[in-house]
Amino acid sequence: MTFVEYITQPSGFGKTRWPVAIMIHLFGALSIYYTYKQSWWALLGLAPVVLLWYGTYMNYTKRWV
């Protein structure tokens, strides 16, 4: 199974269910949209999305269980 197949499973985004993954991505996008004038706050909006992708990759490589 490739990483793309792993994140596009019908059961969810890796081990995260689809509704939760969508809410995390929307929260990050809305945080960046509403705080784009204060650049460092916008970077905080990226944190949940980056952590979701990092955790999903770590689960895919079986470094975390």
N, C-alpha and C. Protein backbone atom coordinates (compact mmCIF):
# COMPACT_ATOMS: atom_id res chain seq x y z
N MET A 1 0.86 -1.18 0.00
CA MET A 1 0.00 0.00 0.00
C MET A 1 0.90 1.24 0.00
N THR A 2 0.64 2.14 -0.90
CA THR A 2 1.39 3.39 -0.95
C THR A 2 0.80 4.40 0.03
N PHE A 3 1.54 5.49 0.25
CA PHE A 3 1.07 6.52 1.17
C PHE A 3 -0.23 7.15 0.67
N VAL A 4 -0.36 7.34 -0.62
CA VAL A 4 -1.59 7.92 -1.18
C VAL A 4 -2.77 7.00 -0.93
N GLU A 5 -2.56 5.70 -1.11
CA GLU A 5 -3.64 4.75 -0.81
C GLU A 5 -3.97 4.76 0.68
N TYR A 6 -2.95 4.93 1.51
CA TYR A 6 -3.16 4.93 2.96
C TYR A 6 -4.00 6.12 3.41
N ILE A 7 -3.76 7.30 2.83
CA ILE A 7 -4.51 8.48 3.28
C ILE A 7 -5.87 8.61 2.60
N THR A 8 -6.13 7.80 1.58
CA THR A 8 -7.42 7.89 0.90
C THR A 8 -8.28 6.65 1.13
N GLN A 9 -8.09 6.00 2.25
CA GLN A 9 -8.91 4.84 2.58
C GLN A 9 -10.36 5.25 2.78
N PRO A 10 -11.30 4.38 2.48
CA PRO A 10 -12.70 4.70 2.73
C PRO A 10 -12.99 4.91 4.22
N SER A 11 -12.21 4.27 5.09
CA SER A 11 -12.47 4.39 6.52
C SER A 11 -11.93 5.69 7.10
N GLY A 12 -11.06 6.38 6.38
CA GLY A 12 -10.55 7.65 6.89
C GLY A 12 -9.18 8.02 6.37
N PHE A 13 -8.68 9.13 6.89
CA PHE A 13 -7.38 9.69 6.52
C PHE A 13 -6.32 9.00 7.38
N GLY A 14 -5.80 7.88 6.91
CA GLY A 14 -4.91 7.08 7.74
C GLY A 14 -5.72 6.43 8.84
N LYS A 15 -5.39 6.73 10.11
CA LYS A 15 -6.17 6.22 11.24
C LYS A 15 -7.18 7.25 11.72
N THR A 16 -7.19 8.42 11.16
CA THR A 16 -8.11 9.48 11.55
C THR A 16 -9.36 9.40 10.68
N ARG A 17 -10.50 9.44 11.28
CA ARG A 17 -11.76 9.39 10.53
C ARG A 17 -11.90 10.64 9.67
N TRP A 18 -12.60 10.50 8.54
CA TRP A 18 -12.73 11.59 7.58
C TRP A 18 -13.34 12.87 8.18
N PRO A 19 -14.41 12.81 8.95
CA PRO A 19 -14.97 14.06 9.48
C PRO A 19 -13.97 14.83 10.35
N VAL A 20 -13.18 14.11 11.12
CA VAL A 20 -12.19 14.77 11.98
C VAL A 20 -11.08 15.37 11.14
N ALA A 21 -10.61 14.64 10.14
CA ALA A 21 -9.55 15.15 9.27
C ALA A 21 -10.02 16.40 8.52
N ILE A 22 -11.26 16.39 8.07
CA ILE A 22 -11.80 17.56 7.36
C ILE A 22 -11.91 18.75 8.30
N MET A 23 -12.34 18.51 9.54
CA MET A 23 -12.44 19.62 10.51
C MET A 23 -11.06 20.19 10.82
N ILE A 24 -10.04 19.36 10.92
CA ILE A 24 -8.68 19.84 11.19
C ILE A 24 -8.19 20.69 10.03
N HIS A 25 -8.42 20.24 8.80
CA HIS A 25 -8.00 21.03 7.64
C HIS A 25 -8.77 22.34 7.55
N LEU A 26 -10.07 22.31 7.82
CA LEU A 26 -10.85 23.55 7.78
C LEU A 26 -10.44 24.52 8.88
N PHE A 27 -10.16 24.01 10.07
CA PHE A 27 -9.69 24.87 11.16
C PHE A 27 -8.39 25.55 10.78
N GLY A 28 -7.46 24.80 10.20
CA GLY A 28 -6.19 25.38 9.77
C GLY A 28 -6.39 26.43 8.69
N ALA A 29 -7.24 26.13 7.71
CA ALA A 29 -7.47 27.09 6.63
C ALA A 29 -8.16 28.35 7.13
N LEU A 30 -9.15 28.19 8.00
CA LEU A 30 -9.85 29.36 8.54
C LEU A 30 -8.95 30.18 9.46
N SER A 31 -8.08 29.52 10.21
CA SER A 31 -7.14 30.24 11.06
C SER A 31 -6.20 31.10 10.22
N ILE A 32 -5.71 30.53 9.15
CA ILE A 32 -4.82 31.29 8.26
C ILE A 32 -5.59 32.43 7.59
N TYR A 33 -6.80 32.16 7.15
CA TYR A 33 -7.59 33.19 6.47
C TYR A 33 -7.88 34.39 7.37
N TYR A 34 -8.24 34.13 8.62
CA TYR A 34 -8.63 35.22 9.51
C TYR A 34 -7.45 35.91 10.20
N THR A 35 -6.27 35.33 10.15
CA THR A 35 -5.12 35.93 10.81
C THR A 35 -3.97 36.21 9.84
N TYR A 36 -4.27 36.35 8.55
CA TYR A 36 -3.20 36.52 7.57
C TYR A 36 -2.43 37.82 7.76
N LYS A 37 -3.00 38.82 8.42
CA LYS A 37 -2.28 40.08 8.62
C LYS A 37 -1.22 39.97 9.71
N GLN A 38 -1.42 39.09 10.67
CA GLN A 38 -0.41 38.82 11.69
C GLN A 38 0.26 37.50 11.30
N SER A 39 1.37 37.59 10.61
CA SER A 39 1.95 36.41 9.96
C SER A 39 2.28 35.28 10.94
N TRP A 40 2.72 35.57 12.15
CA TRP A 40 3.08 34.48 13.05
C TRP A 40 1.84 33.76 13.57
N TRP A 41 0.70 34.44 13.68
CA TRP A 41 -0.54 33.77 14.05
C TRP A 41 -1.00 32.84 12.93
N ALA A 42 -0.78 33.26 11.70
CA ALA A 42 -1.16 32.41 10.57
C ALA A 42 -0.34 31.12 10.58
N LEU A 43 0.90 31.20 11.00
CA LEU A 43 1.72 29.99 11.08
C LEU A 43 1.18 29.03 12.13
N LEU A 44 0.59 29.56 13.20
CA LEU A 44 -0.02 28.69 14.20
C LEU A 44 -1.21 27.92 13.63
N GLY A 45 -1.87 28.50 12.64
CA GLY A 45 -2.98 27.80 11.98
C GLY A 45 -2.50 26.59 11.20
N LEU A 46 -1.24 26.60 10.79
CA LEU A 46 -0.69 25.46 10.06
C LEU A 46 -0.36 24.28 10.99
N ALA A 47 -0.15 24.55 12.26
CA ALA A 47 0.31 23.52 13.19
C ALA A 47 -0.60 22.28 13.22
N PRO A 48 -1.93 22.41 13.36
CA PRO A 48 -2.74 21.19 13.42
C PRO A 48 -2.69 20.38 12.12
N VAL A 49 -2.63 21.06 11.00
CA VAL A 49 -2.59 20.36 9.71
C VAL A 49 -1.26 19.64 9.55
N VAL A 50 -0.17 20.32 9.87
CA VAL A 50 1.15 19.70 9.76
C VAL A 50 1.26 18.51 10.71
N LEU A 51 0.75 18.66 11.93
CA LEU A 51 0.80 17.55 12.88
C LEU A 51 -0.05 16.37 12.42
N LEU A 52 -1.19 16.63 11.79
CA LEU A 52 -2.02 15.55 11.25
C LEU A 52 -1.26 14.78 10.18
N TRP A 53 -0.64 15.50 9.24
CA TRP A 53 0.10 14.85 8.17
C TRP A 53 1.33 14.10 8.71
N TYR A 54 2.02 14.72 9.66
CA TYR A 54 3.20 14.07 10.25
C TYR A 54 2.80 12.79 10.98
N GLY A 55 1.76 12.85 11.79
CA GLY A 55 1.30 11.67 12.50
C GLY A 55 0.82 10.58 11.56
N THR A 56 0.16 10.97 10.49
CA THR A 56 -0.31 9.99 9.51
C THR A 56 0.87 9.31 8.83
N TYR A 57 1.89 10.08 8.50
CA TYR A 57 3.08 9.49 7.88
C TYR A 57 3.80 8.56 8.85
N MET A 58 3.88 8.97 10.12
CA MET A 58 4.53 8.11 11.12
C MET A 58 3.75 6.81 11.30
N ASN A 59 2.43 6.86 11.27
CA ASN A 59 1.62 5.64 11.35
C ASN A 59 1.81 4.78 10.10
N TYR A 60 1.92 5.42 8.94
CA TYR A 60 2.12 4.69 7.68
C TYR A 60 3.43 3.93 7.69
N THR A 61 4.48 4.57 8.21
CA THR A 61 5.80 3.91 8.23
C THR A 61 5.96 2.98 9.42
N LYS A 62 4.93 2.87 10.26
CA LYS A 62 4.90 2.00 11.43
C LYS A 62 5.94 2.39 12.48
N ARG A 63 6.32 3.66 12.50
CA ARG A 63 7.21 4.14 13.56
C ARG A 63 6.40 4.40 14.82
N TRP A 64 5.12 4.72 14.64
CA TRP A 64 4.16 4.83 15.74
C TRP A 64 3.12 3.77 15.49
N VAL A 65 2.44 3.38 16.50
CA VAL A 65 1.37 2.39 16.30
C VAL A 65 0.06 2.98 16.71
